[in-house]
Amino acid sequence: MGPFLLYKITEAVKSLRLAPIVAALALIASGMVFCEDPLAWLNAARKTAGVRPVAGDSLLSQTASGYAALLAARGIITHRGDDGSTGLDRYRAMGGTEVRVGEILGAGPAAELVEKAWLASPEHRGIALGRDWTHAGWGSAPSGESLVMVMMFTRKLVEGLAIAADGSGLRMEGRFVPLRAAAGVLLNGLAEFPSSAWDPASRAFQFVVPASVLAGYLRLGYRTADGEFILTNAFTLPRPSRR
């Protein structure tokens, strides 16, 4: 039996049942990189392609593991959850704040067959080896004779992001990775807040927003020297607790 695959960054796809389709693809040609540890496999494939490795991310893995278990229990492969959620929605529900998430799905009799099929599919390979990603996570769950696999990707433009909100307001700090960052910006609803503290050398920032003006939806980003705004993170208050 061969594997069945789906991929997504933004597009929607319909649900498909596992039973009729796990044998839909022929076994993929040999000679491709695979590994029992999907993150090690991914970084080996990225190295072969001349792409920088990604770091493992526990929140992405928690999100992927939970969704793999759900798909295995339902016996289907789909990017749309029962509630209509996307991969980005599920990541946000777990407490993630990044603004772009990629997700690839697969089901087959063994992990290495799914990995081979991901690399042999131009769409899946394009996502797995995407140059913009900095972090990845994965999860799997058995479904009858098949293994359902979910791998998720994101790009983190902020290091050490810390968000604390209580009755007094919001405090946020971190460091923008891109060298282009010339000033930090926090959009609080429709209001724009400059950073409370900013170090141009390290691009470290801090924001303090009092509860009296705090809105429920916030977007973090930076401005470049020529005034371009780059969105890096977004979240709502109250934030979901990390599980």
C-alpha atoms as a PDB file:
ATOM      1  CA  MET A   1       0.000   0.000   0.000  1.00  0.00           C
ATOM      2  CA  GLY A   2       1.169   3.513  -0.714  1.00  0.00           C
ATOM      3  CA  PRO A   3       0.610   6.716   1.240  1.00  0.00           C
ATOM      4  CA  PHE A   4      -2.030   9.398   0.834  1.00  0.00           C
ATOM      5  CA  LEU A   5      -1.124  13.072   1.240  1.00  0.00           C
ATOM      6  CA  LEU A   6      -2.629  16.521   1.661  1.00  0.00           C
ATOM      7  CA  TYR A   7      -0.925  19.890   2.091  1.00  0.00           C
ATOM      8  CA  LYS A   8      -2.016  23.404   2.966  1.00  0.00           C
ATOM      9  CA  ILE A   9      -0.803  26.881   3.713  1.00  0.00           C
ATOM     10  CA  THR A  10      -3.930  28.877   2.955  1.00  0.00           C
ATOM     11  CA  GLU A  11      -6.104  26.888   0.591  1.00  0.00           C
ATOM     12  CA  ALA A  12      -9.070  24.759   1.702  1.00  0.00           C
ATOM     13  CA  VAL A  13      -9.440  21.098   0.734  1.00  0.00           C
ATOM     14  CA  LYS A  14     -12.305  18.683   1.140  1.00  0.00           C
ATOM     15  CA  SER A  15     -12.337  15.722   3.530  1.00  0.00           C
ATOM     16  CA  LEU A  16     -11.326  12.305   2.186  1.00  0.00           C
ATOM     17  CA  ARG A  17     -11.820   8.910   3.802  1.00  0.00           C
ATOM     18  CA  LEU A  18      -8.708   6.934   4.664  1.00  0.00           C
ATOM     19  CA  ALA A  19      -9.913   3.426   3.828  1.00  0.00           C
ATOM     20  CA  PRO A  20     -10.351   3.859   0.044  1.00  0.00           C
ATOM     21  CA  ILE A  21      -7.243   5.969  -0.478  1.00  0.00           C
ATOM     22  CA  VAL A  22      -4.312   4.633   1.533  1.00  0.00           C
ATOM     23  CA  ALA A  23      -3.447   2.500  -1.503  1.00  0.00           C
ATOM     24  CA  ALA A  24      -4.121   5.229  -4.050  1.00  0.00           C
ATOM     25  CA  LEU A  25      -0.478   6.143  -4.694  1.00  0.00           C
ATOM     26  CA  ALA A  26       2.239   3.789  -5.881  1.00  0.00           C
ATOM     27  CA  LEU A  27       5.334   3.364  -3.745  1.00  0.00           C
ATOM     28  CA  ILE A  28       7.742   6.234  -4.318  1.00  0.00           C
ATOM     29  CA  ALA A  29      11.089   5.789  -6.033  1.00  0.00           C
ATOM     30  CA  SER A  30      13.933   4.821  -3.738  1.00  0.00           C
ATOM     31  CA  GLY A  31      16.960   6.951  -2.895  1.00  0.00           C
ATOM     32  CA  MET A  32      15.144   9.727  -0.994  1.00  0.00           C
ATOM     33  CA  VAL A  33      16.040  10.717   2.552  1.00  0.00           C
ATOM     34  CA  PHE A  34      13.883   9.346   5.337  1.00  0.00           C
ATOM     35  CA  CYS A  35      14.235   8.833   9.070  1.00  0.00           C
ATOM     36  CA  GLU A  36      12.213   7.523  11.997  1.00  0.00           C
ATOM     37  CA  ASP A  37      12.421  10.991  13.568  1.00  0.00           C
ATOM     38  CA  PRO A  38      10.439  13.272  11.222  1.00  0.00           C
ATOM     39  CA  LEU A  39      12.313  16.391  12.358  1.00  0.00           C
ATOM     40  CA  ALA A  40      15.666  14.719  11.678  1.00  0.00           C
ATOM     41  CA  TRP A  41      14.314  13.533   8.328  1.00  0.00           C
ATOM     42  CA  LEU A  42      13.128  17.048   7.510  1.00  0.00           C
ATOM     43  CA  ASN A  43      16.450  18.680   8.318  1.00  0.00           C
ATOM     44  CA  ALA A  44      18.377  16.007   6.419  1.00  0.00           C
ATOM     45  CA  ALA A  45      16.183  16.687   3.378  1.00  0.00           C
ATOM     46  CA  ARG A  46      16.625  20.440   3.792  1.00  0.00           C
ATOM     47  CA  LYS A  47      20.409  20.036   4.051  1.00  0.00           C
ATOM     48  CA  THR A  48      20.448  17.965   0.859  1.00  0.00           C
ATOM     49  CA  ALA A  49      18.446  20.711  -0.865  1.00  0.00           C
ATOM     50  CA  GLY A  50      20.776  23.439   0.421  1.00  0.00           C
ATOM     51  CA  VAL A  51      18.140  24.927   2.729  1.00  0.00           C
ATOM     52  CA  ARG A  52      18.868  25.960   6.313  1.00  0.00           C
ATOM     53  CA  PRO A  53      17.549  23.606   9.016  1.00  0.00           C
ATOM     54  CA  VAL A  54      14.546  24.400  11.165  1.00  0.00           C
ATOM     55  CA  ALA A  55      14.300  24.156  14.938  1.00  0.00           C
ATOM     56  CA  GLY A  56      11.796  21.919  16.648  1.00  0.00           C
ATOM     57  CA  ASP A  57       8.886  23.694  18.293  1.00  0.00           C
ATOM     58  CA  SER A  58       6.932  22.073  21.119  1.00  0.00           C
ATOM     59  CA  LEU A  59       3.749  24.065  20.518  1.00  0.00           C
ATOM     60  CA  LEU A  60       3.665  23.123  16.832  1.00  0.00           C
ATOM     61  CA  SER A  61       4.214  19.485  17.841  1.00  0.00           C
ATOM     62  CA  GLN A  62       1.421  19.624  20.415  1.00  0.00           C
ATOM     63  CA  THR A  63      -0.896  21.096  17.802  1.00  0.00           C
ATOM     64  CA  ALA A  64       0.099  18.524  15.175  1.00  0.00           C
ATOM     65  CA  SER A  65      -0.174  15.602  17.612  1.00  0.00           C
ATOM     66  CA  GLY A  66      -3.644  16.602  18.723  1.00  0.00           C
ATOM     67  CA  TYR A  67      -4.847  16.947  15.155  1.00  0.00           C
ATOM     68  CA  ALA A  68      -3.262  13.652  14.059  1.00  0.00           C
ATOM     69  CA  ALA A  69      -5.135  11.873  16.859  1.00  0.00           C
ATOM     70  CA  LEU A  70      -8.382  13.551  15.807  1.00  0.00           C
ATOM     71  CA  LEU A  71      -7.948  12.565  12.149  1.00  0.00           C
ATOM     72  CA  ALA A  72      -7.045   8.999  13.098  1.00  0.00           C
ATOM     73  CA  ALA A  73     -10.140   8.703  15.272  1.00  0.00           C
ATOM     74  CA  ARG A  74     -12.360  10.079  12.504  1.00  0.00           C
ATOM     75  CA  GLY A  75     -10.704   7.990   9.804  1.00  0.00           C
ATOM     76  CA  ILE A  76     -10.308  10.900   7.397  1.00  0.00           C
ATOM     77  CA  ILE A  77      -7.641  13.242   6.061  1.00  0.00           C
ATOM     78  CA  THR A  78      -8.642  16.895   5.902  1.00  0.00           C
ATOM     79  CA  HIS A  79      -7.205  20.297   6.808  1.00  0.00           C
ATOM     80  CA  ARG A  80     -10.606  21.464   8.064  1.00  0.00           C
ATOM     81  CA  GLY A  81     -11.472  20.551  11.631  1.00  0.00           C
ATOM     82  CA  ASP A  82     -14.976  19.639  12.736  1.00  0.00           C
ATOM     83  CA  ASP A  83     -15.448  23.255  13.766  1.00  0.00           C
ATOM     84  CA  GLY A  84     -14.118  24.578  10.444  1.00  0.00           C
ATOM     85  CA  SER A  85     -10.710  25.399  11.916  1.00  0.00           C
ATOM     86  CA  THR A  86      -7.528  25.619   9.862  1.00  0.00           C
ATOM     87  CA  GLY A  87      -4.022  24.715  10.961  1.00  0.00           C
ATOM     88  CA  LEU A  88      -3.428  28.349  11.879  1.00  0.00           C
ATOM     89  CA  ASP A  89      -6.625  28.383  13.942  1.00  0.00           C
ATOM     90  CA  ARG A  90      -5.568  25.264  15.829  1.00  0.00           C
ATOM     91  CA  TYR A  91      -2.094  26.700  16.477  1.00  0.00           C
ATOM     92  CA  ARG A  92      -3.598  29.932  17.765  1.00  0.00           C
ATOM     93  CA  ALA A  93      -5.991  27.980  20.013  1.00  0.00           C
ATOM     94  CA  MET A  94      -2.937  26.385  21.628  1.00  0.00           C
ATOM     95  CA  GLY A  95      -1.402  29.805  22.304  1.00  0.00           C
ATOM     96  CA  GLY A  96       0.675  30.346  19.158  1.00  0.00           C
ATOM     97  CA  THR A  97       1.005  33.907  17.871  1.00  0.00           C
ATOM     98  CA  GLU A  98       2.858  33.616  14.536  1.00  0.00           C
ATOM     99  CA  VAL A  99       0.907  34.870  11.523  1.00  0.00           C
ATOM    100  CA  ARG A 100       1.720  32.159   8.957  1.00  0.00           C
ATOM    101  CA  VAL A 101       1.552  28.397   9.354  1.00  0.00           C
ATOM    102  CA  GLY A 102       2.079  25.578   6.855  1.00  0.00           C
ATOM    103  CA  GLU A 103       0.653  22.096   7.304  1.00  0.00           C
ATOM    104  CA  ILE A 104       1.172  18.831   5.427  1.00  0.00           C
ATOM    105  CA  LEU A 105      -0.760  15.646   6.103  1.00  0.00           C
ATOM    106  CA  GLY A 106      -0.145  12.061   5.144  1.00  0.00           C
ATOM    107  CA  ALA A 107      -1.383   8.555   5.847  1.00  0.00           C
ATOM    108  CA  GLY A 108       0.270   5.280   5.004  1.00  0.00           C
ATOM    109  CA  PRO A 109       1.485   1.955   6.368  1.00  0.00           C
ATOM    110  CA  ALA A 110       4.797   3.404   7.632  1.00  0.00           C
ATOM    111  CA  ALA A 111       6.274   6.806   8.464  1.00  0.00           C
ATOM    112  CA  GLU A 112       9.137   6.443   5.985  1.00  0.00           C
ATOM    113  CA  LEU A 113       6.691   5.885   3.129  1.00  0.00           C
ATOM    114  CA  VAL A 114       4.820   9.071   4.001  1.00  0.00           C
ATOM    115  CA  GLU A 115       8.129  10.950   4.221  1.00  0.00           C
ATOM    116  CA  LYS A 116       9.218   9.648   0.810  1.00  0.00           C
ATOM    117  CA  ALA A 117       5.865  10.606  -0.689  1.00  0.00           C
ATOM    118  CA  TRP A 118       6.070  14.098   0.797  1.00  0.00           C
ATOM    119  CA  LEU A 119       9.410  14.640  -0.941  1.00  0.00           C
ATOM    120  CA  ALA A 120       8.174  13.175  -4.217  1.00  0.00           C
ATOM    121  CA  SER A 121       5.139  15.481  -4.320  1.00  0.00           C
ATOM    122  CA  PRO A 122       6.095  18.947  -5.680  1.00  0.00           C
ATOM    123  CA  GLU A 123       3.507  20.677  -3.459  1.00  0.00           C
ATOM    124  CA  HIS A 124       4.514  18.896  -0.251  1.00  0.00           C
ATOM    125  CA  ARG A 125       8.210  19.176  -1.040  1.00  0.00           C
ATOM    126  CA  GLY A 126       7.771  22.897  -1.642  1.00  0.00           C
ATOM    127  CA  ILE A 127       6.267  23.365   1.808  1.00  0.00           C
ATOM    128  CA  ALA A 128       8.653  21.022   3.649  1.00  0.00           C
ATOM    129  CA  LEU A 129      11.707  22.671   2.074  1.00  0.00           C
ATOM    130  CA  GLY A 130      10.361  26.216   2.192  1.00  0.00           C
ATOM    131  CA  ARG A 131      13.146  28.719   2.807  1.00  0.00           C
ATOM    132  CA  ASP A 132      11.036  31.008   5.001  1.00  0.00           C
ATOM    133  CA  TRP A 133      10.325  28.464   7.745  1.00  0.00           C
ATOM    134  CA  THR A 134      12.344  28.637  10.931  1.00  0.00           C
ATOM    135  CA  HIS A 135      10.492  26.079  13.084  1.00  0.00           C
ATOM    136  CA  ALA A 136       8.578  22.841  12.646  1.00  0.00           C
ATOM    137  CA  GLY A 137       6.698  20.280  14.699  1.00  0.00           C
ATOM    138  CA  TRP A 138       5.014  16.970  14.003  1.00  0.00           C
ATOM    139  CA  GLY A 139       2.625  14.376  15.365  1.00  0.00           C
ATOM    140  CA  SER A 140       1.297  10.962  14.366  1.00  0.00           C
ATOM    141  CA  ALA A 141      -1.430   8.527  15.379  1.00  0.00           C
ATOM    142  CA  PRO A 142      -2.393   5.005  14.249  1.00  0.00           C
ATOM    143  CA  SER A 143      -5.634   4.469  12.349  1.00  0.00           C
ATOM    144  CA  GLY A 144      -6.241   0.797  11.646  1.00  0.00           C
ATOM    145  CA  GLU A 145      -3.352  -0.406   9.493  1.00  0.00           C
ATOM    146  CA  SER A 146      -2.363   3.142   8.595  1.00  0.00           C
ATOM    147  CA  LEU A 147      -0.355   5.844  10.349  1.00  0.00           C
ATOM    148  CA  VAL A 148      -1.683   9.393  10.159  1.00  0.00           C
ATOM    149  CA  MET A 149       1.083  12.010  10.137  1.00  0.00           C
ATOM    150  CA  VAL A 150       0.836  15.789  10.523  1.00  0.00           C
ATOM    151  CA  MET A 151       3.774  18.183  10.130  1.00  0.00           C
ATOM    152  CA  MET A 152       3.463  21.905  10.778  1.00  0.00           C
ATOM    153  CA  PHE A 153       5.746  24.840   9.977  1.00  0.00           C
ATOM    154  CA  THR A 154       6.019  28.486  10.920  1.00  0.00           C
ATOM    155  CA  ARG A 155       8.357  31.446  10.644  1.00  0.00           C
ATOM    156  CA  LYS A 156       9.339  33.147  13.888  1.00  0.00           C
ATOM    157  CA  LEU A 157      10.516  36.724  13.487  1.00  0.00           C
ATOM    158  CA  VAL A 158      10.682  37.443  17.226  1.00  0.00           C
ATOM    159  CA  GLU A 159      12.990  35.775  19.738  1.00  0.00           C
ATOM    160  CA  GLY A 160      12.142  35.464  23.407  1.00  0.00           C
ATOM    161  CA  LEU A 161       8.582  36.750  23.016  1.00  0.00           C
ATOM    162  CA  ALA A 162       6.974  37.111  26.443  1.00  0.00           C
ATOM    163  CA  ILE A 163       3.366  38.237  26.871  1.00  0.00           C
ATOM    164  CA  ALA A 164       1.815  38.909  30.258  1.00  0.00           C
ATOM    165  CA  ALA A 165      -1.688  40.309  30.714  1.00  0.00           C
ATOM    166  CA  ASP A 166      -3.591  40.859  33.939  1.00  0.00           C
ATOM    167  CA  GLY A 167      -5.983  43.347  35.479  1.00  0.00           C
ATOM    168  CA  SER A 168      -3.449  46.147  35.230  1.00  0.00           C
ATOM    169  CA  GLY A 169      -2.842  45.745  31.491  1.00  0.00           C
ATOM    170  CA  LEU A 170      -0.428  44.126  29.066  1.00  0.00           C
ATOM    171  CA  ARG A 171       3.345  43.791  29.109  1.00  0.00           C
ATOM    172  CA  MET A 172       5.189  42.386  26.105  1.00  0.00           C
ATOM    173  CA  GLU A 173       8.874  42.072  25.333  1.00  0.00           C
ATOM    174  CA  GLY A 174      11.203  40.287  22.949  1.00  0.00           C
ATOM    175  CA  ARG A 175      13.676  40.884  20.126  1.00  0.00           C
ATOM    176  CA  PHE A 176      13.020  41.202  16.402  1.00  0.00           C
ATOM    177  CA  VAL A 177      15.254  38.883  14.381  1.00  0.00           C
ATOM    178  CA  PRO A 178      15.304  40.749  11.022  1.00  0.00           C
ATOM    179  CA  LEU A 179      18.040  43.352  10.736  1.00  0.00           C
ATOM    180  CA  ARG A 180      15.570  45.577   8.855  1.00  0.00           C
ATOM    181  CA  ALA A 181      13.584  46.244  12.047  1.00  0.00           C
ATOM    182  CA  ALA A 182      13.962  49.946  12.838  1.00  0.00           C
ATOM    183  CA  ALA A 183      11.116  50.391  15.346  1.00  0.00           C
ATOM    184  CA  GLY A 184       8.619  48.169  17.117  1.00  0.00           C
ATOM    185  CA  VAL A 185       4.872  48.718  16.698  1.00  0.00           C
ATOM    186  CA  LEU A 186       1.910  47.269  18.567  1.00  0.00           C
ATOM    187  CA  LEU A 187      -1.553  47.649  17.055  1.00  0.00           C
ATOM    188  CA  ASN A 188      -4.115  47.488  19.834  1.00  0.00           C
ATOM    189  CA  GLY A 189      -7.424  47.304  17.994  1.00  0.00           C
ATOM    190  CA  LEU A 190      -7.300  50.384  15.765  1.00  0.00           C
ATOM    191  CA  ALA A 191      -4.831  52.245  17.987  1.00  0.00           C
ATOM    192  CA  GLU A 192      -1.096  52.158  17.311  1.00  0.00           C
ATOM    193  CA  PHE A 193       1.337  52.037  20.210  1.00  0.00           C
ATOM    194  CA  PRO A 194       5.063  52.693  19.829  1.00  0.00           C
ATOM    195  CA  SER A 195       7.372  50.582  21.958  1.00  0.00           C
ATOM    196  CA  SER A 196       7.847  51.644  25.576  1.00  0.00           C
ATOM    197  CA  ALA A 197      11.502  50.652  25.307  1.00  0.00           C
ATOM    198  CA  TRP A 198      13.586  50.053  22.184  1.00  0.00           C
ATOM    199  CA  ASP A 199      17.245  49.111  21.672  1.00  0.00           C
ATOM    200  CA  PRO A 200      18.233  49.773  18.031  1.00  0.00           C
ATOM    201  CA  ALA A 201      21.414  47.720  18.338  1.00  0.00           C
ATOM    202  CA  SER A 202      19.765  44.462  19.438  1.00  0.00           C
ATOM    203  CA  ARG A 203      16.232  45.315  18.185  1.00  0.00           C
ATOM    204  CA  ALA A 204      14.902  44.411  21.630  1.00  0.00           C
ATOM    205  CA  PHE A 205      11.521  45.925  22.496  1.00  0.00           C
ATOM    206  CA  GLN A 206       9.064  46.314  25.310  1.00  0.00           C
ATOM    207  CA  PHE A 207       5.429  47.406  25.286  1.00  0.00           C
ATOM    208  CA  VAL A 208       3.293  48.345  28.261  1.00  0.00           C
ATOM    209  CA  VAL A 209      -0.410  48.969  27.599  1.00  0.00           C
ATOM    210  CA  PRO A 210      -2.748  49.913  30.483  1.00  0.00           C
ATOM    211  CA  ALA A 211      -5.934  47.903  30.902  1.00  0.00           C
ATOM    212  CA  SER A 212      -8.055  51.037  30.446  1.00  0.00           C
ATOM    213  CA  VAL A 213      -7.220  51.199  26.718  1.00  0.00           C
ATOM    214  CA  LEU A 214      -6.546  47.525  26.039  1.00  0.00           C
ATOM    215  CA  ALA A 215      -8.534  45.976  23.178  1.00  0.00           C
ATOM    216  CA  GLY A 216      -9.090  42.284  22.592  1.00  0.00           C
ATOM    217  CA  TYR A 217      -7.132  41.841  19.346  1.00  0.00           C
ATOM    218  CA  LEU A 218      -3.461  42.828  19.140  1.00  0.00           C
ATOM    219  CA  ARG A 219      -0.912  42.744  16.332  1.00  0.00           C
ATOM    220  CA  LEU A 220       2.831  43.053  16.803  1.00  0.00           C
ATOM    221  CA  GLY A 221       5.271  44.102  14.116  1.00  0.00           C
ATOM    222  CA  TYR A 222       8.063  46.431  13.158  1.00  0.00           C
ATOM    223  CA  ARG A 223       8.671  49.291  10.777  1.00  0.00           C
ATOM    224  CA  THR A 224      11.651  49.422   8.455  1.00  0.00           C
ATOM    225  CA  ALA A 225      13.727  52.525   7.865  1.00  0.00           C
ATOM    226  CA  ASP A 226      11.610  53.349   4.808  1.00  0.00           C
ATOM    227  CA  GLY A 227       8.342  53.050   6.766  1.00  0.00           C
ATOM    228  CA  GLU A 228       7.193  49.593   5.673  1.00  0.00           C
ATOM    229  CA  PHE A 229       5.209  47.734   8.352  1.00  0.00           C
ATOM    230  CA  ILE A 230       5.918  44.013   8.786  1.00  0.00           C
ATOM    231  CA  LEU A 231       3.431  42.003  10.849  1.00  0.00           C
ATOM    232  CA  THR A 232       5.093  39.347  13.000  1.00  0.00           C
ATOM    233  CA  ASN A 233       2.575  38.155  15.596  1.00  0.00           C
ATOM    234  CA  ALA A 234      -1.128  38.419  16.402  1.00  0.00           C
ATOM    235  CA  PHE A 235      -3.284  37.258  19.285  1.00  0.00           C
ATOM    236  CA  THR A 236      -6.494  37.929  21.159  1.00  0.00           C
ATOM    237  CA  LEU A 237      -7.121  38.559  24.841  1.00  0.00           C
ATOM    238  CA  PRO A 238      -7.687  36.652  26.993  1.00  0.00           C
ATOM    239  CA  ARG A 239      -5.047  34.330  25.590  1.00  0.00           C
ATOM    240  CA  PRO A 240      -5.618  30.558  25.573  1.00  0.00           C
ATOM    241  CA  SER A 241      -3.634  28.681  28.183  1.00  0.00           C
ATOM    242  CA  ARG A 242      -0.815  26.557  26.799  1.00  0.00           C
ATOM    243  CA  ARG A 243      -1.606  22.886  27.179  1.00  0.00           C
END
